[in-house]
C-alpha atoms as a PDB file:
ATOM      1  CA  MET A   1      26.111 -24.050 -19.834  1.00  0.00           C
ATOM      2  CA  ALA A   2      26.752 -20.919 -17.599  1.00  0.00           C
ATOM      3  CA  PRO A   3      29.916 -20.365 -16.201  1.00  0.00           C
ATOM      4  CA  GLU A   4      30.483 -21.569 -12.309  1.00  0.00           C
ATOM      5  CA  SER A   5      30.498 -18.866  -9.916  1.00  0.00           C
ATOM      6  CA  ASN A   6      32.840 -18.620  -6.828  1.00  0.00           C
ATOM      7  CA  THR A   7      30.325 -16.756  -4.772  1.00  0.00           C
ATOM      8  CA  PRO A   8      29.138 -19.115  -2.159  1.00  0.00           C
ATOM      9  CA  THR A   9      24.985 -19.376  -2.366  1.00  0.00           C
ATOM     10  CA  ALA A  10      22.415 -21.489  -0.415  1.00  0.00           C
ATOM     11  CA  ALA A  11      22.468 -24.012  -3.803  1.00  0.00           C
ATOM     12  CA  ASN A  12      26.206 -25.052  -3.052  1.00  0.00           C
ATOM     13  CA  VAL A  13      26.561 -25.116   0.604  1.00  0.00           C
ATOM     14  CA  PRO A  14      24.845 -27.629   3.554  1.00  0.00           C
ATOM     15  CA  ALA A  15      21.061 -27.350   4.552  1.00  0.00           C
ATOM     16  CA  GLN A  16      20.557 -24.378   6.908  1.00  0.00           C
ATOM     17  CA  THR A  17      23.778 -22.743   5.958  1.00  0.00           C
ATOM     18  CA  ALA A  18      23.416 -20.145   3.358  1.00  0.00           C
ATOM     19  CA  ALA A  19      27.085 -19.142   2.697  1.00  0.00           C
ATOM     20  CA  ARG A  20      30.322 -18.342   4.482  1.00  0.00           C
ATOM     21  CA  ALA A  21      32.237 -15.275   3.778  1.00  0.00           C
ATOM     22  CA  PRO A  22      35.860 -15.315   3.763  1.00  0.00           C
ATOM     23  CA  SER A  23      37.557 -11.952   4.723  1.00  0.00           C
ATOM     24  CA  GLY A  24      36.709  -9.296   2.343  1.00  0.00           C
ATOM     25  CA  ARG A  25      34.367 -11.707  -0.122  1.00  0.00           C
ATOM     26  CA  ALA A  26      31.067 -11.109  -1.326  1.00  0.00           C
ATOM     27  CA  VAL A  27      28.582 -13.563  -0.508  1.00  0.00           C
ATOM     28  CA  ALA A  28      24.727 -13.856  -1.941  1.00  0.00           C
ATOM     29  CA  VAL A  29      22.225 -13.959   0.943  1.00  0.00           C
ATOM     30  CA  PRO A  30      19.128 -15.358  -0.986  1.00  0.00           C
ATOM     31  CA  ARG A  31      15.726 -14.927   0.664  1.00  0.00           C
ATOM     32  CA  PRO A  32      14.554 -18.161   2.271  1.00  0.00           C
ATOM     33  CA  ALA A  33      11.129 -19.881   1.513  1.00  0.00           C
ATOM     34  CA  ALA A  34       8.350 -18.570   3.543  1.00  0.00           C
ATOM     35  CA  GLY A  35       8.752 -20.181   7.085  1.00  0.00           C
ATOM     36  CA  GLU A  36      12.207 -21.411   6.382  1.00  0.00           C
ATOM     37  CA  ALA A  37      15.270 -20.156   8.343  1.00  0.00           C
ATOM     38  CA  ALA A  38      18.982 -19.557   6.605  1.00  0.00           C
ATOM     39  CA  THR A  39      22.151 -18.674   8.391  1.00  0.00           C
ATOM     40  CA  VAL A  40      25.349 -17.118   7.024  1.00  0.00           C
ATOM     41  CA  ASP A  41      28.488 -16.821   8.564  1.00  0.00           C
ATOM     42  CA  SER A  42      29.861 -13.379   8.228  1.00  0.00           C
ATOM     43  CA  SER A  43      33.274 -12.085   7.754  1.00  0.00           C
ATOM     44  CA  PRO A  44      34.753  -8.644   8.667  1.00  0.00           C
ATOM     45  CA  ALA A  45      35.044  -6.086   5.610  1.00  0.00           C
ATOM     46  CA  GLY A  46      32.867  -8.271   3.332  1.00  0.00           C
ATOM     47  CA  ASN A  47      29.819  -7.875   1.340  1.00  0.00           C
ATOM     48  CA  LEU A  48      26.524  -9.414   1.898  1.00  0.00           C
ATOM     49  CA  ASN A  49      24.467  -9.100  -1.094  1.00  0.00           C
ATOM     50  CA  LEU A  50      20.859  -9.452   0.402  1.00  0.00           C
ATOM     51  CA  GLY A  51      18.406 -11.303  -1.619  1.00  0.00           C
ATOM     52  CA  PHE A  52      15.439  -9.625   0.058  1.00  0.00           C
ATOM     53  CA  ASP A  53      14.372  -5.922   0.804  1.00  0.00           C
ATOM     54  CA  PRO A  54      15.147  -5.654   4.644  1.00  0.00           C
ATOM     55  CA  ALA A  55      12.132  -2.994   4.678  1.00  0.00           C
ATOM     56  CA  GLU A  56       9.945  -6.187   4.675  1.00  0.00           C
ATOM     57  CA  ALA A  57      12.046  -7.284   7.644  1.00  0.00           C
ATOM     58  CA  THR A  58      12.653  -6.569  11.380  1.00  0.00           C
ATOM     59  CA  ALA A  59      16.217  -6.537  12.282  1.00  0.00           C
ATOM     60  CA  THR A  60      17.570  -7.588  15.680  1.00  0.00           C
ATOM     61  CA  ARG A  61      20.826  -8.276  17.478  1.00  0.00           C
ATOM     62  CA  SER A  62      21.019 -11.887  18.741  1.00  0.00           C
ATOM     63  CA  GLY A  63      24.670 -11.739  20.602  1.00  0.00           C
ATOM     64  CA  ASN A  64      26.865 -11.111  17.951  1.00  0.00           C
ATOM     65  CA  SER A  65      24.663 -12.089  14.995  1.00  0.00           C
ATOM     66  CA  LEU A  66      22.305 -10.174  12.959  1.00  0.00           C
ATOM     67  CA  VAL A  67      18.973 -11.505  12.403  1.00  0.00           C
ATOM     68  CA  PHE A  68      16.349 -10.487   9.736  1.00  0.00           C
ATOM     69  CA  THR A  69      12.726 -11.835  10.743  1.00  0.00           C
ATOM     70  CA  LEU A  70      10.876 -11.450   7.184  1.00  0.00           C
ATOM     71  CA  ASN A  71       7.034 -10.601   7.115  1.00  0.00           C
ATOM     72  CA  ASP A  72       6.416 -14.192   5.577  1.00  0.00           C
ATOM     73  CA  GLY A  73       7.868 -16.123   8.937  1.00  0.00           C
ATOM     74  CA  SER A  74      11.116 -16.876   7.060  1.00  0.00           C
ATOM     75  CA  SER A  75      14.413 -15.526   8.819  1.00  0.00           C
ATOM     76  CA  VAL A  76      18.068 -15.053   8.020  1.00  0.00           C
ATOM     77  CA  THR A  77      20.548 -15.142  10.847  1.00  0.00           C
ATOM     78  CA  ILE A  78      24.078 -13.665   9.689  1.00  0.00           C
ATOM     79  CA  ASN A  79      26.585 -15.005  12.355  1.00  0.00           C
ATOM     80  CA  ASN A  80      29.021 -12.886  13.921  1.00  0.00           C
ATOM     81  CA  PHE A  81      28.313  -9.850  11.985  1.00  0.00           C
ATOM     82  CA  PHE A  82      29.301  -7.882  14.869  1.00  0.00           C
ATOM     83  CA  VAL A  83      32.753  -9.528  15.302  1.00  0.00           C
ATOM     84  CA  VAL A  84      35.170  -7.488  13.323  1.00  0.00           C
ATOM     85  CA  GLY A  85      38.436  -7.173  15.334  1.00  0.00           C
ATOM     86  CA  ASN A  86      40.280  -4.443  13.826  1.00  0.00           C
ATOM     87  CA  GLU A  87      38.201  -4.630  10.442  1.00  0.00           C
ATOM     88  CA  ALA A  88      35.181  -2.782   9.150  1.00  0.00           C
ATOM     89  CA  LEU A  89      31.728  -4.440   9.627  1.00  0.00           C
ATOM     90  CA  PRO A  90      30.392  -6.218   6.385  1.00  0.00           C
ATOM     91  CA  ASN A  91      28.687  -4.079   3.870  1.00  0.00           C
ATOM     92  CA  LEU A  92      25.120  -4.922   3.296  1.00  0.00           C
ATOM     93  CA  THR A  93      24.044  -4.835  -0.568  1.00  0.00           C
ATOM     94  CA  LEU A  94      20.427  -4.291  -1.030  1.00  0.00           C
ATOM     95  CA  PRO A  95      18.343  -5.872  -4.107  1.00  0.00           C
ATOM     96  CA  ASP A  96      18.478  -2.401  -5.764  1.00  0.00           C
ATOM     97  CA  GLY A  97      22.125  -2.443  -5.657  1.00  0.00           C
ATOM     98  CA  THR A  98      22.432   0.462  -2.472  1.00  0.00           C
ATOM     99  CA  THR A  99      25.067  -0.321  -0.266  1.00  0.00           C
ATOM    100  CA  VAL A 100      24.788   0.116   3.279  1.00  0.00           C
END
């Protein structure tokens, strides 16, 4: 049996909410199924590990949220991505390990 992870994922949080990141924590952001939507609550200075290639998506800002609309009709909304106060924006880690 694999050890439990403390990183929130879509598998262990309510439907439509992929994960919530406490300040400075890493959160897995899985790719939703085609046509589905997922929502992640961001935190300042955190790290969001994207489970999809953003080159396959259009990124837009909606209020304080960052929204990725993927080519298959699915979408990922990162709530409060642009709300940081005195802290840094969250990092995005791409599937190949590159952090931006």
